[in-house]
Amino acid sequence: MKPVLGVDLGEMRTGVALSDDLRVLAHPLETIVSASPKTVAQRLQKIVAERQVDCVVIGLPRQMNGALGPAAKNAQRFVEKLRSLVSCEVVTWDERLSTVAAERALRDAGRKTRDTRNIRDQVAAQIILQGYLDRLNA
């Protein structure tokens, strides 16, 4: 099987995670630092090609009541743009509280908040992707 890519979109930083080939475990991959959606999409396109990714899972930041707010609508626009750039499937996954969970996991691991900025988004992407993989394998 080919791996799955997980993405936690952000305004300034976008976290990226990659599954193993068996699609059981998600691993942090990198943080894309850019305020430009075009730059993020181009980097993801390159990762998809390099890693031979079969599916990209984009976190959809729903509001706590399940509604789609401005951030979710921006994510949906990004998904449409990415679909035109990659040949694999691009899906969305509910990412409510993924960044909070990532911060908690890093804090529980003894990492100071100011030291985690560069990896927090990767861990959030890992959490999004792991949720997707768990559902896929259930």
C-alpha atoms as a PDB file:
ATOM      1  CA  MET A   1       0.000   0.000   0.000  1.00  0.00           C
ATOM      2  CA  LYS A   2       1.015   3.584  -0.490  1.00  0.00           C
ATOM      3  CA  PRO A   3       1.158   6.026   2.435  1.00  0.00           C
ATOM      4  CA  VAL A   4      -1.440   8.638   3.367  1.00  0.00           C
ATOM      5  CA  LEU A   5      -0.537  12.275   4.026  1.00  0.00           C
ATOM      6  CA  GLY A   6      -2.162  14.288   6.821  1.00  0.00           C
ATOM      7  CA  VAL A   7      -2.313  18.092   6.775  1.00  0.00           C
ATOM      8  CA  ASP A   8      -3.111  20.627   9.499  1.00  0.00           C
ATOM      9  CA  LEU A   9      -3.619  23.904   7.622  1.00  0.00           C
ATOM     10  CA  GLY A  10      -2.676  27.104   9.375  1.00  0.00           C
ATOM     11  CA  GLU A  11      -2.392  30.749   8.462  1.00  0.00           C
ATOM     12  CA  MET A  12       1.347  30.912   9.173  1.00  0.00           C
ATOM     13  CA  ARG A  13       2.395  27.272   9.517  1.00  0.00           C
ATOM     14  CA  THR A  14       1.024  24.044   8.061  1.00  0.00           C
ATOM     15  CA  GLY A  15       1.811  20.754   9.750  1.00  0.00           C
ATOM     16  CA  VAL A  16       2.326  17.622   7.672  1.00  0.00           C
ATOM     17  CA  ALA A  17       2.319  13.982   8.783  1.00  0.00           C
ATOM     18  CA  LEU A  18       2.790  10.743   6.866  1.00  0.00           C
ATOM     19  CA  SER A  19       1.488   7.250   7.516  1.00  0.00           C
ATOM     20  CA  ASP A  20       3.573   4.120   7.340  1.00  0.00           C
ATOM     21  CA  ASP A  21       3.089   1.905   4.290  1.00  0.00           C
ATOM     22  CA  LEU A  22       0.658  -0.333   6.195  1.00  0.00           C
ATOM     23  CA  ARG A  23      -1.499   2.704   7.051  1.00  0.00           C
ATOM     24  CA  VAL A  24      -1.472   1.903  10.747  1.00  0.00           C
ATOM     25  CA  LEU A  25       0.653   4.675  12.283  1.00  0.00           C
ATOM     26  CA  ALA A  26       0.978   8.379  11.534  1.00  0.00           C
ATOM     27  CA  HIS A  27       4.337  10.110  11.940  1.00  0.00           C
ATOM     28  CA  PRO A  28       5.149  13.850  11.955  1.00  0.00           C
ATOM     29  CA  LEU A  29       6.885  14.855   8.727  1.00  0.00           C
ATOM     30  CA  GLU A  30       7.469  18.603   8.443  1.00  0.00           C
ATOM     31  CA  THR A  31       6.167  22.099   9.022  1.00  0.00           C
ATOM     32  CA  ILE A  32       5.605  24.323   6.006  1.00  0.00           C
ATOM     33  CA  VAL A  33       6.168  27.935   7.028  1.00  0.00           C
ATOM     34  CA  SER A  34       4.282  30.238   4.697  1.00  0.00           C
ATOM     35  CA  ALA A  35       1.352  32.611   4.698  1.00  0.00           C
ATOM     36  CA  SER A  36       0.642  31.760   1.053  1.00  0.00           C
ATOM     37  CA  PRO A  37      -1.810  28.927   0.250  1.00  0.00           C
ATOM     38  CA  LYS A  38      -0.147  28.638  -3.169  1.00  0.00           C
ATOM     39  CA  THR A  39       3.241  27.884  -1.612  1.00  0.00           C
ATOM     40  CA  VAL A  40       1.686  25.302   0.720  1.00  0.00           C
ATOM     41  CA  ALA A  41      -0.159  23.624  -2.156  1.00  0.00           C
ATOM     42  CA  GLN A  42       3.020  23.468  -4.253  1.00  0.00           C
ATOM     43  CA  ARG A  43       4.990  21.929  -1.375  1.00  0.00           C
ATOM     44  CA  LEU A  44       2.257  19.341  -0.772  1.00  0.00           C
ATOM     45  CA  GLN A  45       2.222  18.537  -4.490  1.00  0.00           C
ATOM     46  CA  LYS A  46       5.955  17.850  -4.297  1.00  0.00           C
ATOM     47  CA  ILE A  47       5.605  15.664  -1.179  1.00  0.00           C
ATOM     48  CA  VAL A  48       2.804  13.652  -2.812  1.00  0.00           C
ATOM     49  CA  ALA A  49       5.035  12.953  -5.816  1.00  0.00           C
ATOM     50  CA  GLU A  50       8.207  12.222  -3.802  1.00  0.00           C
ATOM     51  CA  ARG A  51       6.517   9.935  -1.268  1.00  0.00           C
ATOM     52  CA  GLN A  52       4.089   8.335  -3.749  1.00  0.00           C
ATOM     53  CA  VAL A  53       1.137   9.271  -1.552  1.00  0.00           C
ATOM     54  CA  ASP A  54      -2.201   7.602  -2.291  1.00  0.00           C
ATOM     55  CA  CYS A  55      -4.448  10.015  -0.359  1.00  0.00           C
ATOM     56  CA  VAL A  56      -4.182  13.437   1.305  1.00  0.00           C
ATOM     57  CA  VAL A  57      -6.258  14.084   4.432  1.00  0.00           C
ATOM     58  CA  ILE A  58      -6.843  17.776   5.124  1.00  0.00           C
ATOM     59  CA  GLY A  59      -8.058  18.780   8.577  1.00  0.00           C
ATOM     60  CA  LEU A  60     -11.418  20.560   8.413  1.00  0.00           C
ATOM     61  CA  PRO A  61     -11.691  22.947  11.391  1.00  0.00           C
ATOM     62  CA  ARG A  62     -15.377  22.712  12.223  1.00  0.00           C
ATOM     63  CA  GLN A  63     -16.796  24.837  15.002  1.00  0.00           C
ATOM     64  CA  MET A  64     -17.689  23.063  18.239  1.00  0.00           C
ATOM     65  CA  ASN A  65     -21.352  22.862  17.167  1.00  0.00           C
ATOM     66  CA  GLY A  66     -20.302  21.190  13.899  1.00  0.00           C
ATOM     67  CA  ALA A  67     -20.927  24.221  11.704  1.00  0.00           C
ATOM     68  CA  LEU A  68     -18.487  25.355   9.044  1.00  0.00           C
ATOM     69  CA  GLY A  69     -16.948  28.693   9.949  1.00  0.00           C
ATOM     70  CA  PRO A  70     -14.582  30.894   7.945  1.00  0.00           C
ATOM     71  CA  ALA A  71     -11.541  28.678   8.632  1.00  0.00           C
ATOM     72  CA  ALA A  72     -13.386  25.572   7.403  1.00  0.00           C
ATOM     73  CA  LYS A  73     -14.516  27.360   4.271  1.00  0.00           C
ATOM     74  CA  ASN A  74     -10.911  28.412   3.605  1.00  0.00           C
ATOM     75  CA  ALA A  75      -9.866  24.785   4.057  1.00  0.00           C
ATOM     76  CA  GLN A  76     -12.504  23.653   1.569  1.00  0.00           C
ATOM     77  CA  ARG A  77     -11.226  26.178  -1.000  1.00  0.00           C
ATOM     78  CA  PHE A  78      -7.704  24.890  -0.398  1.00  0.00           C
ATOM     79  CA  VAL A  79      -8.865  21.289  -0.922  1.00  0.00           C
ATOM     80  CA  GLU A  80     -10.328  22.217  -4.308  1.00  0.00           C
ATOM     81  CA  LYS A  81      -7.063  23.904  -5.312  1.00  0.00           C
ATOM     82  CA  LEU A  82      -5.000  20.910  -4.177  1.00  0.00           C
ATOM     83  CA  ARG A  83      -7.238  18.452  -6.043  1.00  0.00           C
ATOM     84  CA  SER A  84      -6.284  20.191  -9.280  1.00  0.00           C
ATOM     85  CA  LEU A  85      -2.569  19.769  -8.490  1.00  0.00           C
ATOM     86  CA  VAL A  86      -2.330  16.136  -7.369  1.00  0.00           C
ATOM     87  CA  SER A  87      -3.424  12.883  -8.950  1.00  0.00           C
ATOM     88  CA  CYS A  88      -4.388  11.203  -5.684  1.00  0.00           C
ATOM     89  CA  GLU A  89      -7.559  11.460  -3.623  1.00  0.00           C
ATOM     90  CA  VAL A  90      -7.919  14.505  -1.328  1.00  0.00           C
ATOM     91  CA  VAL A  91     -10.376  14.227   1.564  1.00  0.00           C
ATOM     92  CA  THR A  92     -11.275  16.273   4.625  1.00  0.00           C
ATOM     93  CA  TRP A  93     -11.346  15.088   8.232  1.00  0.00           C
ATOM     94  CA  ASP A  94     -12.884  16.776  11.269  1.00  0.00           C
ATOM     95  CA  GLU A  95      -9.992  18.296  13.171  1.00  0.00           C
ATOM     96  CA  ARG A  96     -11.768  19.894  16.117  1.00  0.00           C
ATOM     97  CA  LEU A  97      -9.322  20.376  18.991  1.00  0.00           C
ATOM     98  CA  SER A  98      -6.391  18.700  17.200  1.00  0.00           C
ATOM     99  CA  THR A  99      -4.045  21.600  17.998  1.00  0.00           C
ATOM    100  CA  VAL A 100      -5.172  21.571  21.632  1.00  0.00           C
ATOM    101  CA  ALA A 101      -4.519  17.811  21.764  1.00  0.00           C
ATOM    102  CA  ALA A 102      -1.101  18.334  20.166  1.00  0.00           C
ATOM    103  CA  GLU A 103      -0.171  20.997  22.715  1.00  0.00           C
ATOM    104  CA  ARG A 104      -1.315  18.741  25.553  1.00  0.00           C
ATOM    105  CA  ALA A 105       0.655  15.768  24.204  1.00  0.00           C
ATOM    106  CA  LEU A 106       3.809  17.857  23.876  1.00  0.00           C
ATOM    107  CA  ARG A 107       3.345  19.338  27.352  1.00  0.00           C
ATOM    108  CA  ASP A 108       2.796  15.842  28.785  1.00  0.00           C
ATOM    109  CA  ALA A 109       6.032  14.798  27.102  1.00  0.00           C
ATOM    110  CA  GLY A 110       7.824  17.541  29.044  1.00  0.00           C
ATOM    111  CA  ARG A 111       8.209  20.019  26.182  1.00  0.00           C
ATOM    112  CA  LYS A 112       7.886  23.722  26.971  1.00  0.00           C
ATOM    113  CA  THR A 113       5.257  25.594  24.954  1.00  0.00           C
ATOM    114  CA  ARG A 114       7.728  28.071  23.473  1.00  0.00           C
ATOM    115  CA  ASP A 115       9.947  25.202  22.316  1.00  0.00           C
ATOM    116  CA  THR A 116       7.161  23.386  20.482  1.00  0.00           C
ATOM    117  CA  ARG A 117       6.105  25.975  17.893  1.00  0.00           C
ATOM    118  CA  ASN A 118       7.956  24.222  15.060  1.00  0.00           C
ATOM    119  CA  ILE A 119       6.603  20.756  15.815  1.00  0.00           C
ATOM    120  CA  ARG A 120       3.145  21.521  17.248  1.00  0.00           C
ATOM    121  CA  ASP A 121       1.600  21.726  13.779  1.00  0.00           C
ATOM    122  CA  GLN A 122       3.242  18.461  12.736  1.00  0.00           C
ATOM    123  CA  VAL A 123       1.834  16.746  15.823  1.00  0.00           C
ATOM    124  CA  ALA A 124      -1.626  18.217  15.073  1.00  0.00           C
ATOM    125  CA  ALA A 125      -1.350  16.784  11.533  1.00  0.00           C
ATOM    126  CA  GLN A 126      -0.298  13.471  13.053  1.00  0.00           C
ATOM    127  CA  ILE A 127      -3.394  13.471  15.292  1.00  0.00           C
ATOM    128  CA  ILE A 128      -5.667  14.268  12.325  1.00  0.00           C
ATOM    129  CA  LEU A 129      -4.084  11.538  10.230  1.00  0.00           C
ATOM    130  CA  GLN A 130      -4.131   8.971  13.043  1.00  0.00           C
ATOM    131  CA  GLY A 131      -7.860   9.551  13.525  1.00  0.00           C
ATOM    132  CA  TYR A 132      -8.413   8.974   9.825  1.00  0.00           C
ATOM    133  CA  LEU A 133      -6.252   5.821   9.823  1.00  0.00           C
ATOM    134  CA  ASP A 134      -8.020   4.435  12.891  1.00  0.00           C
ATOM    135  CA  ARG A 135     -11.387   4.872  11.166  1.00  0.00           C
ATOM    136  CA  LEU A 136     -10.018   3.356   7.961  1.00  0.00           C
ATOM    137  CA  ASN A 137      -8.792   0.282   9.840  1.00  0.00           C
ATOM    138  CA  ALA A 138     -11.844  -0.152  12.090  1.00  0.00           C
END
